[in-house]
């Protein structure tokens, strides 16, 4: 049986918080609880004088990869609604192949 998870590409996350809202609605979570939480890092000044900042979506222990949606043939709500396509759902093998193409900004979440 294949293992499924999320690949999060932090290079492309725009910080829109859509993943948080979609997840909260899907799981009917109350305010202050998250299935996925967007962390903001920075901004910080780089050595060349420019500024950099990053957004990092992080699944929490409340994340169940939208097991109801997935069982019905869909994909997790965060991946479906990600405007930048920074969150992708798939098998571990598929995600590993995509990570090798994209680079070091990616991480994989397995429940």
N, C-alpha and C. Protein backbone atom coordinates (compact mmCIF):
# COMPACT_ATOMS: atom_id res chain seq x y z
N UNK A 1 0.84 -1.18 0.00
CA UNK A 1 0.00 0.00 0.00
C UNK A 1 0.88 1.25 0.00
N UNK A 2 0.57 2.21 -0.84
CA UNK A 2 1.37 3.43 -0.97
C UNK A 2 1.18 4.34 0.24
N UNK A 3 2.22 5.04 0.59
CA UNK A 3 2.16 6.04 1.64
C UNK A 3 1.97 7.40 1.00
N UNK A 4 0.98 8.15 1.47
CA UNK A 4 0.66 9.46 0.91
C UNK A 4 1.09 10.56 1.86
N UNK A 5 1.37 11.73 1.29
CA UNK A 5 1.77 12.87 2.10
C UNK A 5 1.64 14.16 1.32
N UNK A 6 2.15 15.23 1.91
CA UNK A 6 2.15 16.55 1.29
C UNK A 6 3.58 16.97 1.01
N UNK A 7 3.81 17.59 -0.13
CA UNK A 7 5.08 18.24 -0.41
C UNK A 7 4.81 19.74 -0.35
N UNK A 8 5.61 20.44 0.42
CA UNK A 8 5.46 21.88 0.56
C UNK A 8 6.71 22.54 0.01
N UNK A 9 6.52 23.38 -1.01
CA UNK A 9 7.63 24.09 -1.65
C UNK A 9 7.63 25.52 -1.14
N UNK A 10 8.50 25.78 -0.17
CA UNK A 10 8.54 27.09 0.48
C UNK A 10 9.03 28.21 -0.43
N UNK A 11 9.65 27.87 -1.53
CA UNK A 11 10.11 28.89 -2.46
C UNK A 11 8.92 29.60 -3.11
N UNK A 12 7.81 28.88 -3.30
CA UNK A 12 6.68 29.45 -4.02
C UNK A 12 5.54 29.91 -3.14
N UNK A 13 5.56 29.63 -1.86
CA UNK A 13 4.50 30.06 -0.96
C UNK A 13 4.50 31.59 -0.88
N UNK A 14 3.31 32.19 -1.12
CA UNK A 14 3.19 33.65 -1.13
C UNK A 14 2.70 34.21 0.19
N UNK A 15 2.34 33.36 1.12
CA UNK A 15 1.86 33.82 2.42
C UNK A 15 0.40 34.25 2.41
N UNK A 16 -0.41 33.70 1.53
CA UNK A 16 -1.81 34.14 1.39
C UNK A 16 -2.72 33.58 2.48
N UNK A 17 -2.30 32.58 3.22
CA UNK A 17 -3.08 31.94 4.30
C UNK A 17 -4.28 31.13 3.81
N UNK A 18 -4.42 30.93 2.49
CA UNK A 18 -5.55 30.17 1.96
C UNK A 18 -5.54 28.73 2.49
N UNK A 19 -4.37 28.15 2.64
CA UNK A 19 -4.28 26.77 3.15
C UNK A 19 -4.87 26.68 4.56
N UNK A 20 -4.58 27.68 5.40
CA UNK A 20 -5.11 27.68 6.76
C UNK A 20 -6.63 27.74 6.76
N UNK A 21 -7.18 28.63 5.97
CA UNK A 21 -8.63 28.83 5.93
C UNK A 21 -9.32 27.59 5.36
N UNK A 22 -8.79 27.06 4.26
CA UNK A 22 -9.39 25.86 3.66
C UNK A 22 -9.36 24.70 4.63
N UNK A 23 -8.27 24.53 5.33
CA UNK A 23 -8.14 23.45 6.30
C UNK A 23 -9.10 23.64 7.46
N UNK A 24 -9.15 24.84 7.99
CA UNK A 24 -10.04 25.10 9.12
C UNK A 24 -11.49 24.81 8.74
N UNK A 25 -11.89 25.23 7.54
CA UNK A 25 -13.26 24.97 7.09
C UNK A 25 -13.50 23.48 6.88
N UNK A 26 -12.56 22.78 6.30
CA UNK A 26 -12.72 21.35 6.03
C UNK A 26 -12.84 20.55 7.32
N UNK A 27 -12.03 20.87 8.31
CA UNK A 27 -12.01 20.11 9.56
C UNK A 27 -12.92 20.69 10.62
N UNK A 28 -13.61 21.80 10.30
CA UNK A 28 -14.49 22.49 11.25
C UNK A 28 -13.76 22.83 12.55
N UNK A 29 -12.56 23.37 12.42
CA UNK A 29 -11.76 23.72 13.58
C UNK A 29 -12.17 25.10 14.12
N UNK A 30 -12.17 25.26 15.43
CA UNK A 30 -12.50 26.57 16.01
C UNK A 30 -11.32 27.54 15.86
N UNK A 31 -11.61 28.82 16.07
CA UNK A 31 -10.54 29.83 16.03
C UNK A 31 -9.44 29.43 17.01
N UNK A 32 -8.21 29.65 16.59
CA UNK A 32 -7.06 29.33 17.44
C UNK A 32 -6.54 27.92 17.27
N UNK A 33 -7.23 27.08 16.49
CA UNK A 33 -6.73 25.74 16.22
C UNK A 33 -6.46 25.63 14.73
N UNK A 34 -5.44 24.86 14.39
CA UNK A 34 -4.98 24.80 13.00
C UNK A 34 -4.70 23.37 12.60
N UNK A 35 -5.03 23.04 11.36
CA UNK A 35 -4.58 21.79 10.77
C UNK A 35 -3.28 22.02 10.02
N UNK A 36 -3.14 23.24 9.50
CA UNK A 36 -1.89 23.70 8.88
C UNK A 36 -1.74 25.16 9.29
N UNK A 37 -0.56 25.57 9.67
CA UNK A 37 -0.31 26.93 10.16
C UNK A 37 0.81 27.54 9.34
N UNK A 38 0.58 28.75 8.87
CA UNK A 38 1.58 29.45 8.08
C UNK A 38 2.51 30.24 9.01
N UNK A 39 3.77 29.90 9.00
CA UNK A 39 4.77 30.62 9.79
C UNK A 39 5.46 31.64 8.89
N UNK A 40 5.74 32.81 9.45
CA UNK A 40 6.43 33.87 8.70
C UNK A 40 7.82 34.06 9.29
N UNK A 41 8.82 33.95 8.43
CA UNK A 41 10.20 34.14 8.85
C UNK A 41 10.73 35.42 8.21
N UNK A 42 11.30 36.28 9.02
CA UNK A 42 11.86 37.51 8.49
C UNK A 42 10.90 38.66 8.59
N UNK A 43 11.22 39.73 7.93
CA UNK A 43 12.31 39.86 6.96
C UNK A 43 13.66 40.05 7.64
N UNK A 44 14.72 39.71 6.90
CA UNK A 44 16.08 39.93 7.36
C UNK A 44 16.90 40.51 6.22
N UNK A 45 17.90 41.27 6.59
CA UNK A 45 18.77 41.90 5.60
C UNK A 45 19.89 40.95 5.21
N UNK A 46 20.03 40.75 3.91
CA UNK A 46 21.09 39.89 3.40
C UNK A 46 22.39 40.68 3.28
N UNK A 47 23.50 40.00 3.06
CA UNK A 47 24.80 40.67 3.00
C UNK A 47 24.90 41.65 1.83
N UNK A 48 24.10 41.45 0.78
CA UNK A 48 24.15 42.38 -0.35
C UNK A 48 23.24 43.59 -0.15
N UNK A 49 22.62 43.71 1.03
CA UNK A 49 21.77 44.86 1.34
C UNK A 49 20.30 44.68 1.01
N UNK A 50 19.95 43.59 0.30
CA UNK A 50 18.54 43.34 0.00
C UNK A 50 17.88 42.63 1.18
N UNK A 51 16.57 42.58 1.13
CA UNK A 51 15.81 41.95 2.20
C UNK A 51 15.21 40.64 1.72
N UNK A 52 15.07 39.71 2.65
CA UNK A 52 14.48 38.42 2.32
C UNK A 52 13.52 38.01 3.44
N UNK A 53 12.50 37.29 3.07
CA UNK A 53 11.56 36.73 4.02
C UNK A 53 10.99 35.46 3.43
N UNK A 54 10.49 34.60 4.27
CA UNK A 54 9.93 33.33 3.82
C UNK A 54 8.63 33.04 4.56
N UNK A 55 7.74 32.35 3.87
CA UNK A 55 6.53 31.81 4.47
C UNK A 55 6.65 30.30 4.45
N UNK A 56 6.30 29.68 5.57
CA UNK A 56 6.47 28.24 5.69
C UNK A 56 5.17 27.62 6.22
N UNK A 57 4.37 26.97 5.36
CA UNK A 57 3.19 26.25 5.83
C UNK A 57 3.62 24.99 6.58
N UNK A 58 3.11 24.82 7.79
CA UNK A 58 3.50 23.68 8.63
C UNK A 58 2.24 22.92 9.07
N UNK A 59 2.06 21.68 8.64
CA UNK A 59 0.94 20.87 9.13
C UNK A 59 1.10 20.62 10.63
N UNK A 60 -0.02 20.60 11.35
CA UNK A 60 -0.01 20.37 12.79
C UNK A 60 -0.50 18.95 13.09
N UNK A 61 -0.57 18.62 14.36
CA UNK A 61 -1.06 17.29 14.74
C UNK A 61 -2.56 17.14 14.44
N UNK A 62 -3.26 18.22 14.17
CA UNK A 62 -4.68 18.13 13.79
C UNK A 62 -4.86 17.73 12.32
N UNK A 63 -3.80 17.78 11.53
CA UNK A 63 -3.89 17.43 10.12
C UNK A 63 -4.08 15.92 9.97
N UNK A 64 -5.13 15.55 9.24
CA UNK A 64 -5.36 14.14 8.94
C UNK A 64 -5.33 13.90 7.42
N UNK A 65 -4.71 14.84 6.69
CA UNK A 65 -4.65 14.81 5.23
C UNK A 65 -6.05 14.73 4.62
N UNK A 66 -7.02 15.37 5.31
CA UNK A 66 -8.41 15.41 4.82
C UNK A 66 -8.87 14.01 4.43
N UNK A 67 -8.77 13.09 5.36
CA UNK A 67 -9.04 11.69 5.06
C UNK A 67 -10.41 11.47 4.42
N UNK A 68 -11.42 12.25 4.78
CA UNK A 68 -12.73 12.11 4.15
C UNK A 68 -12.73 12.51 2.69
N UNK A 69 -12.09 13.64 2.39
CA UNK A 69 -11.99 14.12 1.01
C UNK A 69 -11.20 13.12 0.16
N UNK A 70 -10.09 12.65 0.70
CA UNK A 70 -9.23 11.73 -0.04
C UNK A 70 -9.94 10.39 -0.28
N UNK A 71 -10.68 9.91 0.73
CA UNK A 71 -11.42 8.65 0.57
C UNK A 71 -12.48 8.76 -0.53
N UNK A 72 -12.99 9.98 -0.75
CA UNK A 72 -13.99 10.22 -1.79
C UNK A 72 -13.36 10.52 -3.14
N UNK A 73 -12.02 10.42 -3.23
CA UNK A 73 -11.32 10.63 -4.50
C UNK A 73 -10.76 12.03 -4.70
N UNK A 74 -10.85 12.86 -3.68
CA UNK A 74 -10.32 14.23 -3.79
C UNK A 74 -8.90 14.33 -3.26
N UNK A 75 -8.48 15.55 -3.04
CA UNK A 75 -7.17 15.80 -2.46
C UNK A 75 -7.35 16.68 -1.23
N UNK A 76 -6.36 16.75 -0.35
CA UNK A 76 -6.49 17.59 0.83
C UNK A 76 -6.84 19.04 0.45
N UNK A 77 -7.64 19.64 1.29
CA UNK A 77 -8.15 20.98 1.03
C UNK A 77 -7.03 22.01 0.88
N UNK A 78 -5.97 21.89 1.65
CA UNK A 78 -4.87 22.86 1.57
C UNK A 78 -4.21 22.81 0.19
N UNK A 79 -4.01 21.60 -0.34
CA UNK A 79 -3.39 21.44 -1.66
C UNK A 79 -4.33 21.92 -2.76
N UNK A 80 -5.61 21.62 -2.63
CA UNK A 80 -6.59 22.02 -3.62
C UNK A 80 -6.69 23.54 -3.73
N UNK A 81 -6.63 24.23 -2.61
CA UNK A 81 -6.86 25.67 -2.59
C UNK A 81 -5.59 26.52 -2.62
N UNK A 82 -4.42 25.91 -2.60
CA UNK A 82 -3.16 26.67 -2.62
C UNK A 82 -3.05 27.45 -3.94
N UNK A 83 -3.07 28.76 -3.84
CA UNK A 83 -3.06 29.62 -5.03
C UNK A 83 -1.74 29.56 -5.79
N UNK A 84 -0.66 29.28 -5.10
CA UNK A 84 0.66 29.25 -5.73
C UNK A 84 1.09 27.83 -6.11
N UNK A 85 0.23 26.84 -5.86
CA UNK A 85 0.57 25.44 -6.08
C UNK A 85 1.84 25.04 -5.33
N UNK A 86 2.00 25.62 -4.14
CA UNK A 86 3.17 25.32 -3.32
C UNK A 86 2.96 24.06 -2.49
N UNK A 87 1.72 23.59 -2.39
CA UNK A 87 1.40 22.38 -1.63
C UNK A 87 0.86 21.34 -2.61
N UNK A 88 1.48 20.17 -2.62
CA UNK A 88 1.03 19.10 -3.50
C UNK A 88 0.83 17.83 -2.69
N UNK A 89 -0.15 17.04 -3.11
CA UNK A 89 -0.48 15.78 -2.46
C UNK A 89 -0.12 14.64 -3.39
N UNK A 90 0.42 13.56 -2.84
CA UNK A 90 0.74 12.41 -3.67
C UNK A 90 1.39 11.31 -2.86
N UNK A 91 1.82 10.26 -3.57
CA UNK A 91 2.53 9.17 -2.89
C UNK A 91 3.94 9.64 -2.53
N UNK A 92 4.52 8.95 -1.60
CA UNK A 92 5.88 9.29 -1.19
C UNK A 92 6.84 9.23 -2.37
N UNK A 93 6.65 8.25 -3.24
CA UNK A 93 7.52 8.11 -4.41
C UNK A 93 7.36 9.30 -5.36
N UNK A 94 6.09 9.71 -5.61
CA UNK A 94 5.84 10.86 -6.48
C UNK A 94 6.44 12.14 -5.90
N UNK A 95 6.25 12.32 -4.60
CA UNK A 95 6.75 13.54 -3.95
C UNK A 95 8.27 13.57 -3.92
N UNK A 96 8.90 12.42 -3.71
CA UNK A 96 10.37 12.37 -3.72
C UNK A 96 10.91 12.74 -5.09
N UNK A 97 10.26 12.28 -6.15
CA UNK A 97 10.70 12.62 -7.51
C UNK A 97 10.56 14.12 -7.76
N UNK A 98 9.44 14.69 -7.33
CA UNK A 98 9.23 16.13 -7.51
C UNK A 98 10.23 16.94 -6.69
N UNK A 99 10.53 16.48 -5.47
CA UNK A 99 11.51 17.18 -4.63
C UNK A 99 12.88 17.20 -5.28
N UNK A 100 13.27 16.10 -5.91
CA UNK A 100 14.59 16.03 -6.53
C UNK A 100 14.69 17.00 -7.70
N UNK A 101 13.56 17.30 -8.34
CA UNK A 101 13.55 18.27 -9.45
C UNK A 101 13.56 19.70 -8.95
N UNK A 102 12.92 19.96 -7.82
CA UNK A 102 12.71 21.33 -7.36
C UNK A 102 13.85 21.89 -6.52
N UNK A 103 14.38 21.11 -5.60
CA UNK A 103 15.49 21.62 -4.82
C UNK A 103 15.26 21.66 -3.33
N UNK A 104 16.11 22.43 -2.67
CA UNK A 104 16.22 22.40 -1.21
C UNK A 104 15.10 23.13 -0.47
N UNK A 105 14.24 23.86 -1.15
CA UNK A 105 13.18 24.60 -0.48
C UNK A 105 11.98 23.72 -0.14
N UNK A 106 12.00 22.45 -0.53
CA UNK A 106 10.85 21.57 -0.35
C UNK A 106 10.98 20.73 0.91
N UNK A 107 9.82 20.40 1.48
CA UNK A 107 9.75 19.45 2.58
C UNK A 107 8.55 18.55 2.36
N UNK A 108 8.55 17.39 2.97
CA UNK A 108 7.46 16.44 2.83
C UNK A 108 6.88 16.19 4.22
N UNK A 109 5.54 16.16 4.30
CA UNK A 109 4.83 15.87 5.53
C UNK A 109 4.10 14.55 5.36
N UNK A 110 4.33 13.63 6.27
CA UNK A 110 3.61 12.35 6.31
C UNK A 110 2.88 12.30 7.64
N UNK A 111 1.59 11.93 7.62
CA UNK A 111 0.83 11.90 8.88
C UNK A 111 1.29 10.81 9.82
